[in-house]
N, C-alpha and C. Protein backbone atom coordinates (compact mmCIF):
# COMPACT_ATOMS: atom_id res chain seq x y z
N MET A 1 0.82 -1.19 0.00
CA MET A 1 0.00 0.00 0.00
C MET A 1 0.87 1.26 0.00
N GLU A 2 1.89 1.29 0.85
CA GLU A 2 2.76 2.45 0.91
C GLU A 2 3.55 2.62 -0.38
N ARG A 3 3.91 1.50 -0.98
CA ARG A 3 4.67 1.57 -2.22
C ARG A 3 3.83 2.18 -3.34
N ARG A 4 2.57 1.83 -3.44
CA ARG A 4 1.68 2.40 -4.46
C ARG A 4 1.47 3.89 -4.23
N LEU A 5 1.35 4.27 -2.98
CA LEU A 5 1.18 5.68 -2.65
C LEU A 5 2.43 6.46 -3.05
N MET A 6 3.59 5.91 -2.78
CA MET A 6 4.85 6.58 -3.13
C MET A 6 4.99 6.71 -4.65
N ILE A 7 4.65 5.65 -5.37
CA ILE A 7 4.72 5.69 -6.84
C ILE A 7 3.75 6.74 -7.38
N GLY A 8 2.57 6.81 -6.81
CA GLY A 8 1.58 7.79 -7.25
C GLY A 8 2.05 9.22 -7.00
N LEU A 9 2.67 9.46 -5.85
CA LEU A 9 3.18 10.79 -5.55
C LEU A 9 4.32 11.17 -6.48
N VAL A 10 5.20 10.23 -6.78
CA VAL A 10 6.31 10.50 -7.69
C VAL A 10 5.79 10.81 -9.08
N LEU A 11 4.81 10.04 -9.56
CA LEU A 11 4.24 10.30 -10.88
C LEU A 11 3.54 11.65 -10.93
N ALA A 12 2.82 12.00 -9.88
CA ALA A 12 2.14 13.29 -9.83
C ALA A 12 3.16 14.44 -9.84
N ALA A 13 4.25 14.27 -9.12
CA ALA A 13 5.29 15.31 -9.10
C ALA A 13 5.94 15.46 -10.46
N LEU A 14 6.19 14.35 -11.15
CA LEU A 14 6.80 14.41 -12.48
C LEU A 14 5.88 15.08 -13.49
N CYS A 15 4.60 14.76 -13.42
CA CYS A 15 3.63 15.38 -14.34
C CYS A 15 3.52 16.87 -14.06
N GLY A 16 3.49 17.24 -12.81
CA GLY A 16 3.40 18.66 -12.46
C GLY A 16 4.63 19.42 -12.89
N ALA A 17 5.79 18.85 -12.74
CA ALA A 17 7.04 19.52 -13.12
C ALA A 17 7.14 19.67 -14.63
N SER A 18 6.65 18.69 -15.37
CA SER A 18 6.76 18.76 -16.82
C SER A 18 5.85 19.83 -17.41
N THR A 19 4.71 20.12 -16.78
CA THR A 19 3.83 21.16 -17.30
C THR A 19 4.39 22.54 -17.02
N LEU A 20 5.14 22.72 -15.93
CA LEU A 20 5.71 24.02 -15.62
C LEU A 20 6.90 24.35 -16.51
N ALA A 21 7.55 23.34 -17.05
CA ALA A 21 8.75 23.57 -17.85
C ALA A 21 8.43 24.26 -19.17
N HIS A 22 7.20 24.14 -19.67
CA HIS A 22 6.85 24.72 -20.96
C HIS A 22 6.01 25.99 -20.82
N ALA A 23 5.87 26.50 -19.63
CA ALA A 23 5.05 27.68 -19.42
C ALA A 23 5.75 28.92 -19.94
N ARG A 24 5.01 29.81 -20.58
CA ARG A 24 5.53 31.08 -21.08
C ARG A 24 4.61 32.20 -20.61
N PRO A 25 5.16 33.36 -20.34
CA PRO A 25 4.29 34.47 -19.99
C PRO A 25 3.46 34.89 -21.20
N PRO A 26 2.30 35.44 -20.98
CA PRO A 26 1.43 35.80 -22.10
C PRO A 26 1.98 36.95 -22.94
N THR A 27 3.01 37.64 -22.47
CA THR A 27 3.54 38.78 -23.21
C THR A 27 4.56 38.39 -24.27
N VAL A 28 4.93 37.11 -24.33
CA VAL A 28 5.92 36.68 -25.31
C VAL A 28 5.20 36.36 -26.62
N VAL A 29 5.19 37.35 -27.51
CA VAL A 29 4.56 37.19 -28.82
C VAL A 29 5.44 37.89 -29.85
N ASN A 30 5.28 37.51 -31.09
CA ASN A 30 6.01 38.18 -32.16
C ASN A 30 5.33 39.51 -32.46
N SER A 31 6.11 40.58 -32.49
CA SER A 31 5.58 41.90 -32.77
C SER A 31 6.40 42.52 -33.89
N PRO A 32 5.83 42.61 -35.10
CA PRO A 32 6.60 43.16 -36.22
C PRO A 32 7.03 44.61 -35.98
N GLY A 33 6.19 45.41 -35.35
CA GLY A 33 6.53 46.81 -35.09
C GLY A 33 7.71 46.93 -34.14
N TYR A 34 7.69 46.14 -33.08
CA TYR A 34 8.79 46.17 -32.11
C TYR A 34 10.08 45.70 -32.76
N ASP A 35 10.00 44.63 -33.53
CA ASP A 35 11.18 44.10 -34.20
C ASP A 35 11.77 45.13 -35.16
N ARG A 36 10.92 45.86 -35.88
CA ARG A 36 11.39 46.87 -36.81
C ARG A 36 12.08 48.01 -36.08
N ARG A 37 11.47 48.50 -34.99
CA ARG A 37 12.09 49.58 -34.22
C ARG A 37 13.40 49.14 -33.60
N LEU A 38 13.45 47.90 -33.13
CA LEU A 38 14.68 47.37 -32.55
C LEU A 38 15.78 47.31 -33.59
N GLN A 39 15.44 46.87 -34.79
CA GLN A 39 16.42 46.80 -35.86
C GLN A 39 16.91 48.19 -36.24
N GLU A 40 16.00 49.18 -36.29
CA GLU A 40 16.40 50.55 -36.62
C GLU A 40 17.33 51.12 -35.56
N SER A 41 17.01 50.88 -34.29
CA SER A 41 17.86 51.43 -33.22
C SER A 41 19.23 50.76 -33.23
N ARG A 42 19.28 49.50 -33.54
CA ARG A 42 20.57 48.81 -33.62
C ARG A 42 21.40 49.33 -34.78
N SER A 43 20.74 49.61 -35.90
CA SER A 43 21.49 50.14 -37.04
C SER A 43 22.00 51.54 -36.74
N GLN A 44 21.27 52.34 -35.97
CA GLN A 44 21.74 53.67 -35.57
C GLN A 44 22.94 53.55 -34.64
N LEU A 45 22.91 52.57 -33.75
CA LEU A 45 24.03 52.37 -32.84
C LEU A 45 25.27 51.92 -33.60
N ASP A 46 25.08 51.08 -34.60
CA ASP A 46 26.22 50.61 -35.39
C ASP A 46 26.88 51.78 -36.12
N GLY A 47 26.08 52.72 -36.61
CA GLY A 47 26.63 53.88 -37.32
C GLY A 47 27.39 54.80 -36.38
N SER A 48 26.92 54.96 -35.16
CA SER A 48 27.58 55.86 -34.22
C SER A 48 28.82 55.23 -33.61
N ALA A 49 28.94 53.92 -33.66
CA ALA A 49 30.08 53.24 -33.06
C ALA A 49 31.33 53.40 -33.92
N THR A 50 31.16 53.82 -35.18
CA THR A 50 32.32 53.96 -36.05
C THR A 50 33.05 55.27 -35.81
N ALA A 51 32.47 56.21 -35.07
CA ALA A 51 33.13 57.48 -34.78
C ALA A 51 34.32 57.24 -33.85
N ALA A 52 35.34 58.07 -34.01
CA ALA A 52 36.53 57.91 -33.18
C ALA A 52 36.22 58.30 -31.74
N PRO A 53 36.62 57.50 -30.79
CA PRO A 53 36.36 57.83 -29.39
C PRO A 53 37.19 59.02 -28.95
N VAL A 54 36.63 59.83 -28.10
CA VAL A 54 37.31 61.01 -27.60
C VAL A 54 38.13 60.61 -26.38
N ASP A 55 39.40 61.02 -26.38
CA ASP A 55 40.27 60.71 -25.24
C ASP A 55 39.98 61.70 -24.12
N VAL A 56 39.51 61.20 -23.02
CA VAL A 56 39.22 62.03 -21.87
C VAL A 56 40.39 61.92 -20.91
N PRO A 57 40.93 63.05 -20.47
CA PRO A 57 42.05 62.96 -19.54
C PRO A 57 41.61 62.34 -18.22
N VAL A 58 42.43 61.43 -17.76
CA VAL A 58 42.11 60.73 -16.53
C VAL A 58 42.95 61.31 -15.41
N SER A 59 42.31 61.75 -14.36
CA SER A 59 43.06 62.31 -13.25
C SER A 59 43.46 61.20 -12.29
N LYS A 60 44.63 61.37 -11.70
CA LYS A 60 45.10 60.38 -10.76
C LYS A 60 44.33 60.52 -9.45
N PRO A 61 44.06 59.42 -8.78
CA PRO A 61 43.34 59.53 -7.50
C PRO A 61 44.20 60.25 -6.47
N LYS A 62 43.56 61.08 -5.68
CA LYS A 62 44.28 61.82 -4.65
C LYS A 62 44.56 60.90 -3.48
N ARG A 63 45.79 61.00 -2.99
CA ARG A 63 46.17 60.18 -1.85
C ARG A 63 46.25 61.07 -0.63
N SER A 64 45.68 60.63 0.44
CA SER A 64 45.74 61.39 1.67
C SER A 64 46.63 60.67 2.67
N LYS A 65 47.20 61.45 3.56
CA LYS A 65 48.06 60.85 4.58
C LYS A 65 47.20 60.14 5.59
N LYS A 66 47.71 59.04 6.07
CA LYS A 66 47.00 58.29 7.08
C LYS A 66 47.04 59.05 8.39
N LYS A 67 45.92 59.06 9.06
CA LYS A 67 45.85 59.73 10.37
C LYS A 67 46.49 58.82 11.42
N PRO A 68 47.22 59.39 12.34
CA PRO A 68 47.83 58.55 13.39
C PRO A 68 46.77 57.92 14.29
N ALA A 69 47.03 56.72 14.71
CA ALA A 69 46.08 56.01 15.58
C ALA A 69 46.13 56.62 16.97
N LYS A 70 44.99 56.69 17.59
CA LYS A 70 44.92 57.25 18.95
C LYS A 70 45.11 56.18 19.99
């Protein structure tokens, strides 16, 4: 009797886990407008990436003297 109960619980757990593995949120859909805008924005980024980067002077970190321990 206990063995059948254990087998039933294991099968129920496996079935429940397999249905959760394929779940998707309802917002995951193909959107031609979004895909087009995304492609346009990526092409704009690709064009701006070819510009020469500006060298910004880097300042050295200021070092302070350690305070004496009290």
